[in-house]
Every structure is written in C-alpha cells, then in structure tokens.
C-alpha cells in the first residue's frame, strides 16, 4: 500500500455526528440490504468484510496523513457490527494503539446483528474500545417493521438495545417519522415511544421519511399503496412520539429531511419541545419544504 493511501469501496456514509471523525472502511455494503425505504446498497456492491490486515494498513496510512492525534474514528460501511466479534475487537484495539488519544470509536449496527453478539460479545467490544453504535430503529411498530422488511421486531430491538446500554456502549437510535404512512401514524408514534422507554438510549435521532429512487417504498407511494403524511401530519406524529417518551435520553432532529429541527433532554425538556412543535403547526403547510424524491 502506498504511504498515506487508504482504500474505499462502494457508498461511504456516516452519521452527521461523525462529521469530524476519521473514516476507515471495515465492511462493504450491508448484510441485510432488504429495507424497502433504503437505496444506498441496492445496486451493490455486495456485502463483505474486509480483511483485518487491510483495515490495519488503512489505519497506519491514516496516521501518515493525519498524525497520531485523531480523536474520533468511524468504521463504515452499513452494518459493521455484523463483523465477527474477534475481528472487530482486533481492529478497535489496534486503532487505540495507532491513535492513543482516541476518545470514540463508532459503527453502524442493526438490532438483529447486535442481538447475535449477545451481552458478553458487546462487553468484549466495549473493552476493546468500541464506544458508540448507531442503530436504525426506524419504528417500534411490528407491523411497520415487517412491511419495510427491517429484519427485526420490537422485542429483539428492545433486548439488543438494553444489551448495548448494559455493556456501557453509547447507543444512538434513529426513528423515521412518517414511515408508517397515514394509516399507522398513531401506532407508529405510540409503539415507538414504548420501545424507546424500555431501551432508554443515549440519543434519539429523528429523520422524516423521504421516498428514494430505486426503492420498493417509492413504488408504493407512486401507486397509492402508501399514503404519505404531509408536514402537519409529521409534526403531529412527532408531538405524539415526544409526548410518549419518559425515558432519559437526548433527542435531536438534525437532518435535511425534517420539517422542524428540535433538540433537548427528555423527559425534562419535553414541554419545551412540544411547545416548539405546536408553534410550527400554526405555520401554513405550503411554507414547509416541498415534496420531492431523494436521490442519495
């Protein structure tokens, strides 16, 4: 490998909160790749885990470029938690050797793959240096989870989430507002709040459903099999969700898909957040961003 040259293959996405993190690719694609709302890996490449020695070489190459004072590290791609526990522990430990000032190592991970680790495996990962997992919860409604082919259910999500928290790893979960459409909006909000209350994650990050090109859910929208919520519908669903969350967590909606960005500590700032939502509901719907089909 050429000095300072790192390897990347396929789409490389990272959470907004990892904007300043070093990105070293550990996996390619997504091992599930069936979610009806997601377009990221539909056209490949197929899922694979990079060889451990290749990942280590990239970490050393990154040190050549950025020096040893890297503070945060994110291992893409879509579901790096699905790596064998031994291999993920190995690259986390090696990263801490290469970058002794690391304060955070983060991956994406879906509940079904976290669940396979078990509490013991997650504790091993914590000891090796993994400090945060970003999880696409999407919904706590089992009907919705089955419809969007998430590959998990609320029971498994709760247990996986609790294990992450018990292992001492920070948990950041994503909820997609409007993913149940008009007919399951109420159920989506209430059931998701119940799941979040049982997990009590460190962070709850809100995203608003935006149909993407080349996805089954866009086809459902276009053929009127899925009735989307308008801006006010999404805001009302948000209010219902926030009102139902009693667990201590930090809620934020910092994303381009959202009609309103709110953030604050739950449950102590719940009233303030709901007040902000109600203020937004007084705004004419035509003043919010228009409907469009996402391309990335």
Protein backbone atom coordinates (compact mmCIF):
# COMPACT_ATOMS: atom_id res chain seq x y z
CA UNK A 1 0.00 0.00 0.00
CA UNK A 2 1.29 3.45 -0.92
CA UNK A 3 2.11 5.64 2.05
CA UNK A 4 -0.95 7.66 3.04
CA UNK A 5 -3.26 5.86 0.60
CA UNK A 6 -6.48 4.40 2.05
CA UNK A 7 -8.96 2.01 0.50
CA UNK A 8 -12.67 2.76 -0.02
CA UNK A 9 -15.23 0.72 -1.94
CA UNK A 10 -18.89 1.44 -2.65
CA UNK A 11 -21.01 4.12 -0.93
CA UNK A 12 -19.44 5.55 2.21
CA UNK A 13 -22.00 7.09 4.58
CA UNK A 14 -21.51 8.34 8.10
CA UNK A 15 -23.85 9.90 10.70
CA UNK A 16 -23.88 13.71 10.88
CA UNK A 17 -22.42 13.45 14.38
CA UNK A 18 -19.34 11.76 12.86
CA UNK A 19 -18.61 14.68 10.51
CA UNK A 20 -15.18 15.26 12.06
CA UNK A 21 -14.30 11.59 12.51
CA UNK A 22 -11.66 9.61 10.65
CA UNK A 23 -13.39 7.14 8.30
CA UNK A 24 -11.67 3.80 7.87
CA UNK A 25 -13.69 1.24 5.96
CA UNK A 26 -14.13 -2.10 7.73
CA UNK A 27 -17.02 -3.60 5.73
CA UNK A 28 -18.51 -3.11 2.29
CA UNK A 29 -22.25 -2.85 1.65
CA UNK A 30 -24.94 -4.12 4.03
CA UNK A 31 -25.54 -7.78 5.03
CA UNK A 32 -29.32 -7.22 5.19
CA UNK A 33 -29.94 -4.86 2.26
CA UNK A 34 -33.70 -5.53 2.12
CA UNK A 35 -35.20 -2.43 3.74
CA UNK A 36 -37.84 -1.09 1.36
CA UNK A 37 -37.02 2.57 2.08
CA UNK A 38 -33.25 2.37 1.59
CA UNK A 39 -31.47 2.86 -1.73
CA UNK A 40 -27.88 3.01 -0.51
CA UNK A 41 -26.71 -0.50 -1.39
CA UNK A 42 -29.48 -1.71 -3.72
CA UNK A 43 -27.13 -1.56 -6.72
CA UNK A 44 -24.21 -3.08 -4.87
CA UNK A 45 -21.53 -3.77 -4.04
CA UNK A 46 -22.40 -6.98 -2.24
CA UNK A 47 -21.69 -7.20 1.44
CA UNK A 48 -18.27 -8.34 2.55
CA UNK A 49 -15.93 -7.87 5.47
CA UNK A 50 -12.51 -6.51 4.64
CA UNK A 51 -9.51 -8.50 5.83
CA UNK A 52 -8.23 -7.40 9.19
CA UNK A 53 -4.71 -6.79 7.92
CA UNK A 54 -6.09 -4.49 5.19
CA UNK A 55 -8.01 -2.45 7.76
CA UNK A 56 -4.89 -2.18 9.91
CA UNK A 57 -2.88 -0.95 6.92
CA UNK A 58 -5.51 1.74 6.35
CA UNK A 59 -5.27 2.81 9.98
CA UNK A 60 -1.50 3.16 9.61
CA UNK A 61 -1.97 5.02 6.32
CA UNK A 62 -4.36 7.39 8.09
CA UNK A 63 -1.72 8.03 10.73
CA UNK A 64 0.71 9.04 7.94
CA UNK A 65 -1.84 11.59 6.72
CA UNK A 66 -3.40 12.89 9.94
CA UNK A 67 -0.83 12.09 12.58
CA UNK A 68 -1.47 10.21 15.81
CA UNK A 69 -3.76 12.78 17.44
CA UNK A 70 -7.03 11.53 15.90
CA UNK A 71 -9.82 11.80 18.49
CA UNK A 72 -12.81 10.06 16.87
CA UNK A 73 -13.00 7.15 14.43
CA UNK A 74 -15.91 5.72 12.46
CA UNK A 75 -15.74 2.31 10.76
CA UNK A 76 -18.08 2.26 7.69
CA UNK A 77 -19.99 0.73 5.91
CA UNK A 78 -23.66 -0.05 6.52
CA UNK A 79 -23.56 -2.67 9.27
CA UNK A 80 -20.03 -3.06 10.59
CA UNK A 81 -21.35 -4.55 13.84
CA UNK A 82 -22.01 -7.70 11.76
CA UNK A 83 -18.26 -8.40 11.67
CA UNK A 84 -17.03 -11.35 13.71
CA UNK A 85 -16.58 -10.14 17.26
CA UNK A 86 -12.92 -11.23 17.33
CA UNK A 87 -12.13 -9.23 14.19
CA UNK A 88 -13.97 -6.11 15.31
CA UNK A 89 -12.26 -6.27 18.71
CA UNK A 90 -8.91 -6.61 16.96
CA UNK A 91 -9.28 -3.51 14.80
CA UNK A 92 -10.67 -1.47 17.69
CA UNK A 93 -7.71 -2.41 19.88
CA UNK A 94 -5.26 -1.72 17.07
CA UNK A 95 -6.85 1.67 16.40
CA UNK A 96 -6.28 2.62 20.04
CA UNK A 97 -2.61 1.69 19.68
CA UNK A 98 -2.21 3.72 16.49
CA UNK A 99 -4.18 6.68 17.85
CA UNK A 100 -3.56 6.82 21.61
CA UNK A 101 -5.78 9.91 22.02
CA UNK A 102 -8.92 8.26 20.63
CA UNK A 103 -11.98 9.11 22.69
CA UNK A 104 -14.61 7.44 20.48
CA UNK A 105 -14.84 4.50 18.07
CA UNK A 106 -18.20 4.15 16.34
CA UNK A 107 -20.03 1.81 13.95
CA UNK A 108 -23.44 1.37 12.36
CA UNK A 109 -25.35 -1.70 13.53
CA UNK A 110 -28.86 -3.07 13.07
CA UNK A 111 -30.62 -4.69 16.02
CA UNK A 112 -30.59 -8.22 14.57
CA UNK A 113 -26.80 -8.17 14.22
CA UNK A 114 -26.29 -6.59 17.63
CA UNK A 115 -28.53 -9.29 19.08
CA UNK A 116 -26.27 -12.01 17.67
CA UNK A 117 -23.38 -10.61 19.70
CA UNK A 118 -25.18 -11.07 22.98
CA UNK A 119 -24.30 -9.11 26.09
CA UNK A 120 -20.98 -10.96 26.51
CA UNK A 121 -19.87 -10.08 22.99
CA UNK A 122 -20.83 -6.45 23.42
CA UNK A 123 -18.87 -6.25 26.67
CA UNK A 124 -15.83 -7.60 24.83
CA UNK A 125 -16.26 -4.91 22.18
CA UNK A 126 -16.54 -2.23 24.85
CA UNK A 127 -13.32 -3.43 26.46
CA UNK A 128 -11.61 -3.39 23.05
CA UNK A 129 -12.58 0.25 22.54
CA UNK A 130 -15.94 0.35 20.72
CA UNK A 131 -17.76 3.23 22.35
CA UNK A 132 -20.85 4.05 20.26
CA UNK A 133 -23.28 2.23 17.96
CA UNK A 134 -25.71 3.98 15.62
CA UNK A 135 -28.86 1.88 15.18
CA UNK A 136 -31.66 2.36 12.69
CA UNK A 137 -34.61 1.54 14.95
CA UNK A 138 -36.98 3.17 12.42
CA UNK A 139 -40.14 2.12 14.31
CA UNK A 140 -41.35 0.21 17.33
CA UNK A 141 -44.47 -0.97 15.47
CA UNK A 142 -44.05 -4.61 14.44
CA UNK A 143 -46.50 -4.26 11.54
CA UNK A 144 -44.42 -1.42 10.10
CA UNK A 145 -41.14 -3.27 10.71
CA UNK A 146 -42.47 -6.25 8.75
CA UNK A 147 -43.77 -4.06 5.93
CA UNK A 148 -40.47 -2.24 5.48
CA UNK A 149 -38.58 -5.56 5.75
CA UNK A 150 -36.36 -4.35 8.53
CA UNK A 151 -35.42 -7.89 9.52
CA UNK A 152 -36.15 -7.44 13.22
CA UNK A 153 -39.04 -6.85 15.61
CA UNK A 154 -39.69 -4.70 18.66
CA UNK A 155 -38.83 -7.46 21.13
CA UNK A 156 -35.43 -8.03 19.56
CA UNK A 157 -34.81 -4.30 19.27
CA UNK A 158 -35.51 -3.83 22.98
CA UNK A 159 -33.23 -6.65 24.06
CA UNK A 160 -30.42 -5.63 21.72
CA UNK A 161 -30.70 -2.02 22.85
CA UNK A 162 -30.65 -2.95 26.52
CA UNK A 163 -27.57 -5.10 25.98
CA UNK A 164 -25.73 -2.22 24.32
CA UNK A 165 -26.56 0.05 27.25
CA UNK A 166 -25.67 -2.62 29.81
CA UNK A 167 -22.32 -3.14 28.08
CA UNK A 168 -21.53 0.55 28.59
CA UNK A 169 -21.55 1.40 24.88
CA UNK A 170 -23.30 4.61 23.87
CA UNK A 171 -26.47 3.97 21.87
CA UNK A 172 -27.74 6.34 19.22
CA UNK A 173 -31.05 5.25 17.65
CA UNK A 174 -32.81 6.61 14.58
CA UNK A 175 -36.57 6.94 14.21
CA UNK A 176 -38.16 7.62 10.82
CA UNK A 177 -41.14 9.92 11.15
CA UNK A 178 -43.94 9.07 8.71
CA UNK A 179 -42.61 5.59 7.88
CA UNK A 180 -46.00 4.06 8.71
CA UNK A 181 -47.92 6.38 6.41
CA UNK A 182 -51.25 7.90 7.39
CA UNK A 183 -52.95 4.68 8.44
CA UNK A 184 -50.33 3.72 11.05
CA UNK A 185 -49.12 7.13 12.19
CA UNK A 186 -50.66 6.90 15.64
CA UNK A 187 -49.50 3.33 16.20
CA UNK A 188 -46.02 4.20 14.95
CA UNK A 189 -45.68 7.06 17.43
CA UNK A 190 -47.09 5.17 20.43
CA UNK A 191 -45.31 1.86 19.85
CA UNK A 192 -42.00 3.55 19.09
CA UNK A 193 -42.24 5.57 22.30
CA UNK A 194 -42.84 2.34 24.24
CA UNK A 195 -39.74 0.72 22.75
CA UNK A 196 -37.63 3.80 23.42
CA UNK A 197 -38.83 3.91 27.03
CA UNK A 198 -37.72 0.31 27.55
CA UNK A 199 -34.31 0.86 25.96
CA UNK A 200 -33.60 4.39 27.25
CA UNK A 201 -30.89 5.06 24.63
CA UNK A 202 -28.36 7.86 24.99
CA UNK A 203 -29.56 9.57 21.80
CA UNK A 204 -32.79 9.57 19.79
CA UNK A 205 -32.31 11.00 16.30
CA UNK A 206 -35.35 11.87 14.21
CA UNK A 207 -35.50 11.54 10.44
CA UNK A 208 -38.53 12.15 8.21
CA UNK A 209 -39.47 9.57 5.59
CA UNK A 210 -38.48 10.75 2.15
CA UNK A 211 -39.06 8.27 -0.69
CA UNK A 212 -35.85 7.48 -2.53
CA UNK A 213 -35.25 6.47 -6.12
CA UNK A 214 -34.97 2.76 -6.92
CA UNK A 215 -36.75 1.65 -3.74
CA UNK A 216 -39.87 -0.51 -3.30
CA UNK A 217 -41.44 2.08 -0.99
CA UNK A 218 -41.24 4.77 -3.67
CA UNK A 219 -43.16 2.47 -5.99
CA UNK A 220 -45.79 2.02 -3.27
CA UNK A 221 -46.10 5.80 -2.96
CA UNK A 222 -46.43 6.26 -6.71
CA UNK A 223 -49.09 3.54 -6.97
CA UNK A 224 -51.06 4.90 -3.98
CA UNK A 225 -50.37 1.84 -1.86
CA UNK A 226 -48.67 4.08 0.70
CA UNK A 227 -50.24 7.40 1.72
CA UNK A 228 -47.60 9.81 2.94
CA UNK A 229 -48.04 12.29 5.74
CA UNK A 230 -47.89 15.99 4.93
CA UNK A 231 -45.83 18.43 7.03
CA UNK A 232 -48.56 18.88 9.66
CA UNK A 233 -49.11 15.14 9.84
CA UNK A 234 -45.43 14.56 10.50
CA UNK A 235 -45.38 17.27 13.16
CA UNK A 236 -48.43 15.81 14.90
CA UNK A 237 -46.79 12.39 14.84
CA UNK A 238 -43.64 13.97 16.31
CA UNK A 239 -45.67 15.55 19.10
CA UNK A 240 -47.30 12.22 19.92
CA UNK A 241 -43.92 10.47 19.93
CA UNK A 242 -42.21 13.05 22.14
CA UNK A 243 -45.16 13.15 24.50
CA UNK A 244 -44.92 9.38 24.96
CA UNK A 245 -41.21 9.26 25.80
CA UNK A 246 -40.46 9.24 29.53
CA UNK A 247 -37.01 7.63 29.46
CA UNK A 248 -33.92 9.79 29.97
CA UNK A 249 -32.44 10.46 26.54
CA UNK A 250 -31.23 13.29 24.33
CA UNK A 251 -33.49 13.92 21.35
CA UNK A 252 -32.36 15.68 18.20
CA UNK A 253 -33.75 16.05 14.69
CA UNK A 254 -30.73 17.49 12.92
CA UNK A 255 -31.36 16.27 9.37
CA UNK A 256 -32.25 17.72 5.98
CA UNK A 257 -35.38 15.57 5.70
CA UNK A 258 -37.09 17.11 8.72
CA UNK A 259 -39.69 19.88 8.64
CA UNK A 260 -38.59 21.13 12.06
CA UNK A 261 -35.34 20.76 13.95
CA UNK A 262 -35.79 20.29 17.68
CA UNK A 263 -33.43 19.05 20.32
CA UNK A 264 -33.35 18.70 24.05
CA UNK A 265 -33.12 16.41 27.04
CA UNK A 266 -36.01 14.10 27.74
CA UNK A 267 -38.12 13.99 29.73
CA UNK A 268 -37.19 17.26 31.48
CA UNK A 269 -37.46 19.44 28.35
CA UNK A 270 -40.49 17.67 26.91
CA UNK A 271 -42.84 20.62 27.42
CA UNK A 272 -40.45 22.97 25.61
CA UNK A 273 -40.13 20.59 22.66
CA UNK A 274 -43.89 20.15 22.38
CA UNK A 275 -44.34 23.93 22.51
CA UNK A 276 -41.94 24.28 19.58
CA UNK A 277 -43.87 21.65 17.63
CA UNK A 278 -47.20 23.35 18.33
CA UNK A 279 -45.76 26.67 17.15
CA UNK A 280 -44.68 25.02 13.90
CA UNK A 281 -48.16 23.54 13.46
CA UNK A 282 -49.52 27.09 13.18
CA UNK A 283 -47.44 27.63 10.03
CA UNK A 284 -49.18 27.02 6.71
CA UNK A 285 -48.17 23.69 5.19
CA UNK A 286 -47.12 25.37 1.96
CA UNK A 287 -44.37 27.16 3.85
CA UNK A 288 -42.52 23.90 4.55
CA UNK A 289 -40.17 22.19 2.12
CA UNK A 290 -41.95 20.70 -0.89
CA UNK A 291 -42.32 17.01 -1.55
CA UNK A 292 -39.53 15.51 -3.62
CA UNK A 293 -37.91 12.16 -4.33
CA UNK A 294 -34.50 11.66 -2.76
CA UNK A 295 -31.53 10.65 -4.86
CA UNK A 296 -28.94 9.89 -2.20
